[in-house]
Amino acid sequence: MAPIGATYAFTGGYAFPGFWSAGGSSDGTGAGFAVLYPDGSVSFLYFSGDGSTHPSPQAVFTQAHEAGNGDEARITNFAGNFAVSLYSSAEHLTRMAASGCRQ
């Protein structure tokens, strides 16, 4: 089990200010996160219960515009499968991707 309050850093991250959003959901053995970056892209990360993680965030979506106030990234889980969605206020549309993450 990972210690409570453990932190992780990923190399090559974003080094500029802007609109960020993140959400998380658990599958009962770990947790998945959707992160909306200032450039409008969304990535998925998964941490297992022992604290290990995938090598880096995995890109899921990009949009034609930088992230704005009305943009939202969400994540949900059902039976070990995650669904990540992005609402783009500039494009007035929602994208969604679903994937199985059980090992």
C-alpha atoms as a PDB file:
ATOM      1  CA  MET A   1       0.000   0.000   0.000  1.00  0.00           C
ATOM      2  CA  ALA A   2       1.279   3.470  -0.844  1.00  0.00           C
ATOM      3  CA  PRO A   3       1.654   5.763   2.162  1.00  0.00           C
ATOM      4  CA  ILE A   4      -1.065   8.369   2.666  1.00  0.00           C
ATOM      5  CA  GLY A   5       0.068  11.710   1.282  1.00  0.00           C
ATOM      6  CA  ALA A   6       2.623  10.214  -1.116  1.00  0.00           C
ATOM      7  CA  THR A   7       3.427  12.470  -4.061  1.00  0.00           C
ATOM      8  CA  TYR A   8       4.624  11.676  -7.579  1.00  0.00           C
ATOM      9  CA  ALA A   9       6.224  13.814 -10.258  1.00  0.00           C
ATOM     10  CA  PHE A  10       6.368  13.216 -13.998  1.00  0.00           C
ATOM     11  CA  THR A  11       9.194  14.542 -16.136  1.00  0.00           C
ATOM     12  CA  GLY A  12       8.427  16.643 -19.185  1.00  0.00           C
ATOM     13  CA  GLY A  13       5.369  18.239 -17.626  1.00  0.00           C
ATOM     14  CA  TYR A  14       3.816  21.594 -18.374  1.00  0.00           C
ATOM     15  CA  ALA A  15       5.759  24.596 -17.113  1.00  0.00           C
ATOM     16  CA  PHE A  16       3.283  27.351 -17.886  1.00  0.00           C
ATOM     17  CA  PRO A  17       0.278  28.782 -16.051  1.00  0.00           C
ATOM     18  CA  GLY A  18      -3.253  28.415 -17.295  1.00  0.00           C
ATOM     19  CA  PHE A  19      -6.499  26.569 -16.752  1.00  0.00           C
ATOM     20  CA  TRP A  20      -6.063  23.115 -15.156  1.00  0.00           C
ATOM     21  CA  SER A  21      -8.684  20.580 -14.121  1.00  0.00           C
ATOM     22  CA  ALA A  22      -8.433  17.075 -12.684  1.00  0.00           C
ATOM     23  CA  GLY A  23     -10.814  14.386 -11.518  1.00  0.00           C
ATOM     24  CA  GLY A  24     -10.378  10.927 -10.058  1.00  0.00           C
ATOM     25  CA  SER A  25     -12.260   7.650  -9.678  1.00  0.00           C
ATOM     26  CA  SER A  26     -11.420   4.348  -7.990  1.00  0.00           C
ATOM     27  CA  ASP A  27     -11.869   0.823  -9.322  1.00  0.00           C
ATOM     28  CA  GLY A  28     -11.461  -0.681  -5.832  1.00  0.00           C
ATOM     29  CA  THR A  29      -7.816  -1.670  -6.333  1.00  0.00           C
ATOM     30  CA  GLY A  30      -6.384   1.664  -7.456  1.00  0.00           C
ATOM     31  CA  ALA A  31      -7.388   5.026  -8.837  1.00  0.00           C
ATOM     32  CA  GLY A  32      -7.593   6.618 -12.290  1.00  0.00           C
ATOM     33  CA  PHE A  33      -7.298  10.341 -12.951  1.00  0.00           C
ATOM     34  CA  ALA A  34      -8.234  12.574 -15.890  1.00  0.00           C
ATOM     35  CA  VAL A  35      -6.164  15.765 -16.176  1.00  0.00           C
ATOM     36  CA  LEU A  36      -7.111  18.715 -18.392  1.00  0.00           C
ATOM     37  CA  TYR A  37      -3.993  20.735 -19.269  1.00  0.00           C
ATOM     38  CA  PRO A  38      -3.887  24.440 -20.200  1.00  0.00           C
ATOM     39  CA  ASP A  39      -3.249  23.590 -23.875  1.00  0.00           C
ATOM     40  CA  GLY A  40      -6.659  21.834 -24.014  1.00  0.00           C
ATOM     41  CA  SER A  41      -5.375  18.244 -23.957  1.00  0.00           C
ATOM     42  CA  VAL A  42      -6.582  15.553 -21.537  1.00  0.00           C
ATOM     43  CA  SER A  43      -4.446  12.723 -20.159  1.00  0.00           C
ATOM     44  CA  PHE A  44      -5.229   9.612 -18.106  1.00  0.00           C
ATOM     45  CA  LEU A  45      -3.128   8.266 -15.208  1.00  0.00           C
ATOM     46  CA  TYR A  46      -3.640   5.125 -13.165  1.00  0.00           C
ATOM     47  CA  PHE A  47      -2.147   4.382  -9.749  1.00  0.00           C
ATOM     48  CA  SER A  48      -2.504   0.891  -8.341  1.00  0.00           C
ATOM     49  CA  GLY A  49      -3.105   0.412  -4.615  1.00  0.00           C
ATOM     50  CA  ASP A  50       0.583  -0.293  -3.972  1.00  0.00           C
ATOM     51  CA  GLY A  51       1.538   3.144  -5.331  1.00  0.00           C
ATOM     52  CA  SER A  52       2.977   2.021  -8.650  1.00  0.00           C
ATOM     53  CA  THR A  53       1.868   3.874 -11.757  1.00  0.00           C
ATOM     54  CA  HIS A  54       2.074   3.780 -15.512  1.00  0.00           C
ATOM     55  CA  PRO A  55       5.321   5.392 -16.769  1.00  0.00           C
ATOM     56  CA  SER A  56       3.642   8.711 -17.562  1.00  0.00           C
ATOM     57  CA  PRO A  57       0.238  10.236 -18.212  1.00  0.00           C
ATOM     58  CA  GLN A  58      -1.328   8.799 -21.380  1.00  0.00           C
ATOM     59  CA  ALA A  59      -2.804  11.329 -23.833  1.00  0.00           C
ATOM     60  CA  VAL A  60      -6.521  10.771 -24.479  1.00  0.00           C
ATOM     61  CA  PHE A  61      -7.841  13.923 -26.205  1.00  0.00           C
ATOM     62  CA  THR A  62      -6.686  17.161 -27.740  1.00  0.00           C
ATOM     63  CA  GLN A  63      -8.863  20.034 -28.802  1.00  0.00           C
ATOM     64  CA  ALA A  64      -8.343  22.863 -31.284  1.00  0.00           C
ATOM     65  CA  HIS A  65      -8.305  25.534 -28.558  1.00  0.00           C
ATOM     66  CA  GLU A  66      -6.567  26.140 -25.250  1.00  0.00           C
ATOM     67  CA  ALA A  67      -8.562  25.121 -22.189  1.00  0.00           C
ATOM     68  CA  GLY A  68     -11.072  27.687 -21.053  1.00  0.00           C
ATOM     69  CA  ASN A  69     -13.305  28.418 -18.080  1.00  0.00           C
ATOM     70  CA  GLY A  70     -16.165  26.284 -19.388  1.00  0.00           C
ATOM     71  CA  ASP A  71     -14.078  23.216 -20.283  1.00  0.00           C
ATOM     72  CA  GLU A  72     -14.431  20.140 -18.083  1.00  0.00           C
ATOM     73  CA  ALA A  73     -12.629  16.792 -17.917  1.00  0.00           C
ATOM     74  CA  ARG A  74     -14.395  13.984 -16.036  1.00  0.00           C
ATOM     75  CA  ILE A  75     -13.679  10.357 -15.231  1.00  0.00           C
ATOM     76  CA  THR A  76     -15.886   7.544 -13.987  1.00  0.00           C
ATOM     77  CA  ASN A  77     -15.487   3.831 -13.350  1.00  0.00           C
ATOM     78  CA  PHE A  78     -17.778   0.850 -13.773  1.00  0.00           C
ATOM     79  CA  ALA A  79     -16.632  -2.714 -13.048  1.00  0.00           C
ATOM     80  CA  GLY A  80     -12.951  -1.856 -13.510  1.00  0.00           C
ATOM     81  CA  ASN A  81     -13.424   0.067 -16.752  1.00  0.00           C
ATOM     82  CA  PHE A  82     -12.757   3.802 -16.887  1.00  0.00           C
ATOM     83  CA  ALA A  83     -14.491   6.382 -19.054  1.00  0.00           C
ATOM     84  CA  VAL A  84     -12.860   9.780 -19.626  1.00  0.00           C
ATOM     85  CA  SER A  85     -14.767  12.697 -21.121  1.00  0.00           C
ATOM     86  CA  LEU A  86     -13.944  16.247 -22.174  1.00  0.00           C
ATOM     87  CA  TYR A  87     -16.441  19.041 -22.718  1.00  0.00           C
ATOM     88  CA  SER A  88     -14.993  21.791 -24.945  1.00  0.00           C
ATOM     89  CA  SER A  89     -16.830  25.078 -24.456  1.00  0.00           C
ATOM     90  CA  ALA A  90     -15.143  26.610 -27.534  1.00  0.00           C
ATOM     91  CA  GLU A  91     -16.220  23.712 -29.766  1.00  0.00           C
ATOM     92  CA  HIS A  92     -19.573  23.110 -28.016  1.00  0.00           C
ATOM     93  CA  LEU A  93     -19.066  19.336 -27.932  1.00  0.00           C
ATOM     94  CA  THR A  94     -18.191  16.446 -25.657  1.00  0.00           C
ATOM     95  CA  ARG A  95     -15.653  13.714 -26.416  1.00  0.00           C
ATOM     96  CA  MET A  96     -15.613  10.418 -24.526  1.00  0.00           C
ATOM     97  CA  ALA A  97     -13.317   7.404 -24.438  1.00  0.00           C
ATOM     98  CA  ALA A  98     -13.753   4.166 -22.474  1.00  0.00           C
ATOM     99  CA  SER A  99     -11.134   1.565 -21.719  1.00  0.00           C
ATOM    100  CA  GLY A 100     -10.595  -1.557 -19.629  1.00  0.00           C
ATOM    101  CA  CYS A 101      -7.757  -1.186 -17.156  1.00  0.00           C
ATOM    102  CA  ARG A 102      -7.840  -4.440 -15.232  1.00  0.00           C
ATOM    103  CA  GLN A 103      -4.633  -6.431 -15.363  1.00  0.00           C
END
